[in-house]
């Protein structure tokens, strides 16, 4: 598992930043992106998929969370 930062990029779109690889990619799909549930599978524009344990409420961004890589790009 890796620490990743979820934030809005300069275009106002959600992005995932992985400091260990100095990689920032746009998020194309969030499994749960509601006020009462947030997280799950996170799909990136480059094809990678990460998993963030779902939270009971949508957090304020930016946020650093632990994520597991399910599929490499």
N, C-alpha and C. Protein backbone atom coordinates (compact mmCIF):
# COMPACT_ATOMS: atom_id res chain seq x y z
N UNK A 1 0.85 -1.19 0.00
CA UNK A 1 0.00 0.00 0.00
C UNK A 1 0.88 1.23 0.00
N UNK A 2 0.38 2.26 -0.64
CA UNK A 2 1.14 3.49 -0.79
C UNK A 2 0.31 4.67 -0.27
N UNK A 3 0.99 5.70 0.17
CA UNK A 3 0.32 6.94 0.51
C UNK A 3 0.12 7.74 -0.77
N UNK A 4 -1.11 8.15 -1.02
CA UNK A 4 -1.42 8.96 -2.20
C UNK A 4 -2.20 10.19 -1.75
N UNK A 5 -2.10 11.24 -2.55
CA UNK A 5 -2.85 12.45 -2.27
C UNK A 5 -3.92 12.60 -3.34
N UNK A 6 -5.14 12.81 -2.91
CA UNK A 6 -6.25 13.09 -3.81
C UNK A 6 -6.50 14.59 -3.72
N UNK A 7 -6.50 15.23 -4.88
CA UNK A 7 -6.65 16.69 -4.92
C UNK A 7 -7.26 17.10 -6.25
N UNK A 8 -7.61 18.36 -6.36
CA UNK A 8 -8.05 18.91 -7.63
C UNK A 8 -6.84 19.48 -8.35
N UNK A 9 -6.73 19.20 -9.66
CA UNK A 9 -5.61 19.75 -10.43
C UNK A 9 -5.96 21.16 -10.90
N UNK A 10 -5.07 21.75 -11.69
CA UNK A 10 -5.27 23.14 -12.13
C UNK A 10 -6.47 23.30 -13.06
N UNK A 11 -6.97 22.20 -13.63
CA UNK A 11 -8.16 22.25 -14.48
C UNK A 11 -9.44 21.99 -13.70
N UNK A 12 -9.31 21.78 -12.38
CA UNK A 12 -10.47 21.55 -11.54
C UNK A 12 -10.95 20.11 -11.53
N UNK A 13 -10.15 19.19 -12.05
CA UNK A 13 -10.51 17.77 -12.08
C UNK A 13 -9.77 17.04 -10.97
N UNK A 14 -10.36 15.96 -10.47
CA UNK A 14 -9.72 15.17 -9.43
C UNK A 14 -8.47 14.49 -9.98
N UNK A 15 -7.43 14.47 -9.18
CA UNK A 15 -6.21 13.78 -9.57
C UNK A 15 -5.63 13.03 -8.38
N UNK A 16 -4.83 12.02 -8.68
CA UNK A 16 -4.15 11.23 -7.67
C UNK A 16 -2.66 11.49 -7.83
N UNK A 17 -2.00 11.83 -6.72
CA UNK A 17 -0.56 12.09 -6.74
C UNK A 17 0.14 11.04 -5.90
N UNK A 18 1.09 10.36 -6.52
CA UNK A 18 1.89 9.34 -5.85
C UNK A 18 3.30 9.88 -5.71
N UNK A 19 3.65 10.35 -4.51
CA UNK A 19 4.94 11.01 -4.29
C UNK A 19 6.11 10.07 -4.53
N UNK A 20 5.95 8.81 -4.19
CA UNK A 20 7.03 7.84 -4.32
C UNK A 20 7.54 7.76 -5.77
N UNK A 21 6.64 7.95 -6.72
CA UNK A 21 7.01 7.90 -8.14
C UNK A 21 6.93 9.27 -8.81
N UNK A 22 6.62 10.32 -8.03
CA UNK A 22 6.42 11.66 -8.55
C UNK A 22 5.47 11.63 -9.74
N UNK A 23 4.33 10.97 -9.54
CA UNK A 23 3.35 10.75 -10.59
C UNK A 23 2.03 11.40 -10.19
N UNK A 24 1.48 12.20 -11.10
CA UNK A 24 0.15 12.76 -10.89
C UNK A 24 -0.68 12.44 -12.12
N UNK A 25 -1.83 11.81 -11.89
CA UNK A 25 -2.71 11.44 -13.00
C UNK A 25 -4.14 11.80 -12.67
N UNK A 26 -4.88 12.13 -13.71
CA UNK A 26 -6.29 12.47 -13.56
C UNK A 26 -7.10 11.22 -13.22
N UNK A 27 -8.05 11.39 -12.34
CA UNK A 27 -8.95 10.31 -11.96
C UNK A 27 -10.12 10.32 -12.94
N UNK A 28 -10.38 9.17 -13.56
CA UNK A 28 -11.49 9.07 -14.51
C UNK A 28 -12.74 8.47 -13.89
N UNK A 29 -12.59 7.69 -12.82
CA UNK A 29 -13.74 7.05 -12.17
C UNK A 29 -13.45 6.82 -10.70
N UNK A 30 -14.41 7.20 -9.87
CA UNK A 30 -14.38 6.93 -8.43
C UNK A 30 -15.54 5.99 -8.15
N UNK A 31 -15.30 4.85 -7.51
CA UNK A 31 -16.39 3.91 -7.24
C UNK A 31 -17.47 4.55 -6.37
N UNK A 32 -17.07 5.21 -5.29
CA UNK A 32 -18.01 5.90 -4.41
C UNK A 32 -17.57 7.35 -4.28
N UNK A 33 -18.37 8.27 -4.79
CA UNK A 33 -18.05 9.69 -4.71
C UNK A 33 -19.28 10.48 -4.27
N UNK A 34 -19.91 9.99 -3.20
CA UNK A 34 -21.11 10.63 -2.67
C UNK A 34 -20.79 11.25 -1.32
N UNK A 35 -21.70 12.09 -0.84
CA UNK A 35 -21.51 12.73 0.46
C UNK A 35 -21.49 11.72 1.61
N UNK A 36 -22.21 10.60 1.45
CA UNK A 36 -22.30 9.62 2.53
C UNK A 36 -21.40 8.39 2.34
N UNK A 37 -20.66 8.31 1.23
CA UNK A 37 -19.71 7.22 1.01
C UNK A 37 -18.69 7.66 -0.02
N UNK A 38 -17.40 7.49 0.30
CA UNK A 38 -16.34 7.97 -0.57
C UNK A 38 -15.19 6.98 -0.56
N UNK A 39 -14.66 6.65 -1.74
CA UNK A 39 -13.51 5.73 -1.85
C UNK A 39 -13.80 4.59 -2.80
N UNK A 40 -13.23 3.43 -2.51
CA UNK A 40 -13.38 2.26 -3.37
C UNK A 40 -12.37 2.27 -4.50
N UNK A 41 -12.74 1.71 -5.65
CA UNK A 41 -11.83 1.66 -6.79
C UNK A 41 -11.69 3.05 -7.41
N UNK A 42 -10.45 3.40 -7.70
CA UNK A 42 -10.14 4.68 -8.32
C UNK A 42 -9.41 4.37 -9.63
N UNK A 43 -10.01 4.74 -10.75
CA UNK A 43 -9.43 4.49 -12.07
C UNK A 43 -8.72 5.75 -12.55
N UNK A 44 -7.50 5.58 -13.04
CA UNK A 44 -6.71 6.70 -13.53
C UNK A 44 -6.70 6.74 -15.05
N UNK A 45 -6.42 7.92 -15.61
CA UNK A 45 -6.42 8.12 -17.06
C UNK A 45 -5.41 7.19 -17.74
N UNK A 46 -4.31 6.87 -17.09
CA UNK A 46 -3.28 6.02 -17.69
C UNK A 46 -3.59 4.54 -17.64
N UNK A 47 -4.70 4.16 -17.02
CA UNK A 47 -5.11 2.76 -16.98
C UNK A 47 -4.90 2.07 -15.64
N UNK A 48 -4.17 2.67 -14.73
CA UNK A 48 -3.95 2.07 -13.42
C UNK A 48 -5.23 2.15 -12.59
N UNK A 49 -5.39 1.19 -11.67
CA UNK A 49 -6.53 1.18 -10.76
C UNK A 49 -6.00 1.02 -9.34
N UNK A 50 -6.45 1.88 -8.44
CA UNK A 50 -6.09 1.83 -7.03
C UNK A 50 -7.36 1.61 -6.22
N UNK A 51 -7.18 1.13 -4.99
CA UNK A 51 -8.31 0.91 -4.09
C UNK A 51 -8.06 1.68 -2.80
N UNK A 52 -9.04 2.49 -2.43
CA UNK A 52 -9.02 3.25 -1.17
C UNK A 52 -10.17 2.72 -0.33
N UNK A 53 -9.88 2.35 0.93
CA UNK A 53 -10.95 1.89 1.82
C UNK A 53 -12.04 2.95 1.89
N UNK A 54 -13.29 2.57 1.62
CA UNK A 54 -14.39 3.54 1.65
C UNK A 54 -14.53 4.21 3.01
N UNK A 55 -14.87 5.50 2.96
CA UNK A 55 -15.12 6.30 4.16
C UNK A 55 -16.61 6.59 4.25
N UNK A 56 -17.09 6.84 5.47
CA UNK A 56 -18.51 7.09 5.70
C UNK A 56 -18.99 8.45 5.20
N UNK A 57 -18.07 9.36 4.95
CA UNK A 57 -18.45 10.66 4.41
C UNK A 57 -17.35 11.20 3.51
N UNK A 58 -17.73 12.07 2.61
CA UNK A 58 -16.79 12.65 1.66
C UNK A 58 -15.87 13.63 2.41
N UNK A 59 -14.55 13.45 2.30
CA UNK A 59 -13.63 14.32 3.02
C UNK A 59 -13.39 15.63 2.28
N UNK A 60 -12.80 16.57 2.98
CA UNK A 60 -12.35 17.81 2.34
C UNK A 60 -11.05 17.50 1.63
N UNK A 61 -10.87 18.06 0.46
CA UNK A 61 -9.67 17.82 -0.33
C UNK A 61 -8.76 19.03 -0.27
N UNK A 62 -7.46 18.85 -0.35
CA UNK A 62 -6.72 17.61 -0.60
C UNK A 62 -6.66 16.73 0.64
N UNK A 63 -6.50 15.42 0.40
CA UNK A 63 -6.39 14.45 1.49
C UNK A 63 -5.35 13.40 1.11
N UNK A 64 -4.60 12.95 2.10
CA UNK A 64 -3.63 11.87 1.90
C UNK A 64 -4.21 10.61 2.53
N UNK A 65 -4.25 9.53 1.73
CA UNK A 65 -4.83 8.26 2.18
C UNK A 65 -3.93 7.11 1.74
N UNK A 66 -4.16 5.95 2.32
CA UNK A 66 -3.47 4.73 1.91
C UNK A 66 -4.25 4.10 0.76
N UNK A 67 -3.55 3.70 -0.28
CA UNK A 67 -4.21 3.09 -1.43
C UNK A 67 -3.43 1.86 -1.88
N UNK A 68 -4.16 0.86 -2.33
CA UNK A 68 -3.56 -0.38 -2.82
C UNK A 68 -3.69 -0.41 -4.34
N UNK A 69 -2.61 -0.69 -5.03
CA UNK A 69 -2.67 -0.77 -6.49
C UNK A 69 -3.28 -2.11 -6.88
N UNK A 70 -4.38 -2.07 -7.62
CA UNK A 70 -5.05 -3.29 -8.09
C UNK A 70 -4.57 -3.67 -9.48
N UNK A 71 -4.26 -2.65 -10.29
CA UNK A 71 -3.84 -2.89 -11.67
C UNK A 71 -2.84 -1.83 -12.08
N UNK A 72 -1.71 -2.27 -12.64
CA UNK A 72 -0.71 -1.32 -13.11
C UNK A 72 -1.13 -0.75 -14.46
N UNK A 73 -0.57 0.38 -14.79
CA UNK A 73 -0.87 1.03 -16.07
C UNK A 73 -0.27 0.28 -17.23
